[in-house]
C-alpha atoms as a PDB file:
ATOM      1  CA  ILE A   1     -25.450 -53.292  32.820  1.00  0.00           C
ATOM      2  CA  ALA A   2     -22.264 -53.653  30.883  1.00  0.00           C
ATOM      3  CA  ASP A   3     -23.556 -54.695  27.487  1.00  0.00           C
ATOM      4  CA  ILE A   4     -26.084 -51.760  26.663  1.00  0.00           C
ATOM      5  CA  ASP A   5     -26.142 -48.292  26.507  1.00  0.00           C
ATOM      6  CA  ALA A   6     -29.789 -47.326  28.052  1.00  0.00           C
ATOM      7  CA  PRO A   7     -31.811 -43.781  27.670  1.00  0.00           C
ATOM      8  CA  GLU A   8     -30.968 -41.343  30.579  1.00  0.00           C
ATOM      9  CA  LEU A   9     -33.690 -40.520  33.136  1.00  0.00           C
ATOM     10  CA  ASN A  10     -31.127 -38.164  35.285  1.00  0.00           C
ATOM     11  CA  PRO A  11     -31.316 -35.796  33.595  1.00  0.00           C
ATOM     12  CA  PRO A  12     -32.690 -36.770  30.125  1.00  0.00           C
ATOM     13  CA  ARG A  13     -31.746 -34.851  27.459  1.00  0.00           C
ATOM     14  CA  CYS A  14     -35.228 -34.553  25.858  1.00  0.00           C
ATOM     15  CA  GLU A  15     -38.977 -35.561  26.509  1.00  0.00           C
ATOM     16  CA  ALA A  16     -38.670 -38.512  24.327  1.00  0.00           C
ATOM     17  CA  GLU A  17     -35.639 -39.845  26.100  1.00  0.00           C
ATOM     18  CA  ARG A  18     -37.413 -39.275  29.500  1.00  0.00           C
ATOM     19  CA  ILE A  19     -40.334 -41.544  28.436  1.00  0.00           C
ATOM     20  CA  LYS A  20     -38.357 -44.382  26.783  1.00  0.00           C
ATOM     21  CA  GLY A  21     -36.087 -44.367  30.347  1.00  0.00           C
ATOM     22  CA  GLU A  22     -39.440 -44.619  32.330  1.00  0.00           C
ATOM     23  CA  ILE A  23     -40.576 -47.640  30.002  1.00  0.00           C
ATOM     24  CA  SER A  24     -36.963 -49.047  30.059  1.00  0.00           C
ATOM     25  CA  ARG A  25     -36.635 -48.620  33.945  1.00  0.00           C
ATOM     26  CA  ARG A  26     -40.278 -50.634  34.225  1.00  0.00           C
ATOM     27  CA  ARG A  27     -39.387 -53.457  32.057  1.00  0.00           C
ATOM     28  CA  LEU A  28     -35.773 -53.911  33.660  1.00  0.00           C
ATOM     29  CA  LEU A  29     -37.342 -54.331  37.031  1.00  0.00           C
ATOM     30  CA  GLU A  30     -39.434 -56.829  35.429  1.00  0.00           C
ATOM     31  CA  LEU A  31     -36.716 -58.564  34.124  1.00  0.00           C
ATOM     32  CA  LEU A  32     -34.758 -58.732  37.216  1.00  0.00           C
ATOM     33  CA  ASN A  33     -37.527 -59.846  39.472  1.00  0.00           C
ATOM     34  CA  ALA A  34     -38.701 -62.729  37.346  1.00  0.00           C
ATOM     35  CA  GLY A  35     -36.302 -65.487  38.971  1.00  0.00           C
ATOM     36  CA  PRO A  36     -32.714 -65.973  39.651  1.00  0.00           C
ATOM     37  CA  LEU A  37     -29.890 -64.305  37.399  1.00  0.00           C
ATOM     38  CA  SER A  38     -26.278 -64.262  37.017  1.00  0.00           C
ATOM     39  CA  LEU A  39     -23.759 -61.278  37.236  1.00  0.00           C
ATOM     40  CA  VAL A  40     -20.862 -61.763  34.580  1.00  0.00           C
ATOM     41  CA  ALA A  41     -17.879 -59.158  34.780  1.00  0.00           C
ATOM     42  CA  GLY A  42     -16.503 -58.421  31.498  1.00  0.00           C
ATOM     43  CA  VAL A  43     -13.727 -56.327  29.824  1.00  0.00           C
ATOM     44  CA  ARG A  44     -14.881 -53.091  31.570  1.00  0.00           C
ATOM     45  CA  ASP A  45     -14.920 -53.496  35.171  1.00  0.00           C
ATOM     46  CA  GLU A  46     -16.083 -50.206  36.055  1.00  0.00           C
ATOM     47  CA  ASP A  47     -17.488 -47.014  34.226  1.00  0.00           C
ATOM     48  CA  ARG A  48     -16.105 -43.750  34.497  1.00  0.00           C
ATOM     49  CA  TYR A  49     -18.155 -42.903  37.574  1.00  0.00           C
ATOM     50  CA  GLY A  50     -16.948 -46.039  39.507  1.00  0.00           C
ATOM     51  CA  ARG A  51     -19.816 -47.889  39.200  1.00  0.00           C
ATOM     52  CA  LYS A  52     -19.187 -51.814  38.914  1.00  0.00           C
ATOM     53  CA  LEU A  53     -20.528 -53.077  35.154  1.00  0.00           C
ATOM     54  CA  ARG A  54     -21.789 -56.481  34.882  1.00  0.00           C
ATOM     55  CA  THR A  55     -23.776 -58.282  32.157  1.00  0.00           C
ATOM     56  CA  VAL A  56     -26.869 -59.801  33.868  1.00  0.00           C
ATOM     57  CA  THR A  57     -28.104 -63.134  32.160  1.00  0.00           C
ATOM     58  CA  ARG A  58     -30.715 -65.633  32.920  1.00  0.00           C
ATOM     59  CA  GLN A  59     -30.514 -69.156  31.629  1.00  0.00           C
ATOM     60  CA  ASP A  60     -27.518 -68.084  29.423  1.00  0.00           C
ATOM     61  CA  ARG A  61     -29.274 -64.760  27.917  1.00  0.00           C
ATOM     62  CA  SER A  62     -28.573 -61.484  28.523  1.00  0.00           C
ATOM     63  CA  ILE A  63     -31.173 -59.262  30.268  1.00  0.00           C
ATOM     64  CA  GLY A  64     -29.160 -56.184  28.104  1.00  0.00           C
ATOM     65  CA  GLU A  65     -30.040 -58.080  24.883  1.00  0.00           C
ATOM     66  CA  THR A  66     -33.943 -58.419  25.794  1.00  0.00           C
ATOM     67  CA  LEU A  67     -34.051 -54.623  26.404  1.00  0.00           C
ATOM     68  CA  ILE A  68     -32.197 -53.965  23.023  1.00  0.00           C
ATOM     69  CA  GLY A  69     -34.279 -56.516  21.225  1.00  0.00           C
ATOM     70  CA  GLU A  70     -37.517 -54.796  22.445  1.00  0.00           C
ATOM     71  CA  GLY A  71     -36.329 -50.847  21.483  1.00  0.00           C
ATOM     72  CA  LEU A  72     -35.544 -50.202  25.081  1.00  0.00           C
ATOM     73  CA  ALA A  73     -31.795 -49.733  25.034  1.00  0.00           C
ATOM     74  CA  HIS A  74     -28.819 -49.691  22.477  1.00  0.00           C
ATOM     75  CA  ARG A  75     -26.056 -52.298  22.471  1.00  0.00           C
ATOM     76  CA  TRP A  76     -22.770 -50.945  24.229  1.00  0.00           C
ATOM     77  CA  GLY A  77     -20.255 -49.704  22.114  1.00  0.00           C
ATOM     78  CA  GLY A  78     -19.511 -47.586  18.694  1.00  0.00           C
ATOM     79  CA  PRO A  79     -20.970 -44.453  18.470  1.00  0.00           C
ATOM     80  CA  ARG A  80     -23.501 -42.982  21.038  1.00  0.00           C
ATOM     81  CA  GLN A  81     -26.828 -43.231  19.467  1.00  0.00           C
ATOM     82  CA  SER A  82     -29.237 -40.630  20.496  1.00  0.00           C
ATOM     83  CA  TRP A  83     -32.818 -40.824  21.902  1.00  0.00           C
ATOM     84  CA  CYS A  84     -34.382 -37.589  21.049  1.00  0.00           C
ATOM     85  CA  GLY A  85     -35.179 -38.527  17.463  1.00  0.00           C
END
């Protein structure tokens, strides 16, 4: 998802990141399965691993913004924030 930085699961840097990553993944699945959504291309088309980056929206609201608001992701850009404390 283009507009967020989520906790890593493979591999996590610490136990706190693993736990937050599992919660974030479950919540993301709930949000994705809640109904129709749109994928919007942005400035960054791919990440450094070649994965396509898109902002995921439903009714003009970013799923990433929902995760950020719930403390399950950080906003993409700027200095990277640690999930380990």
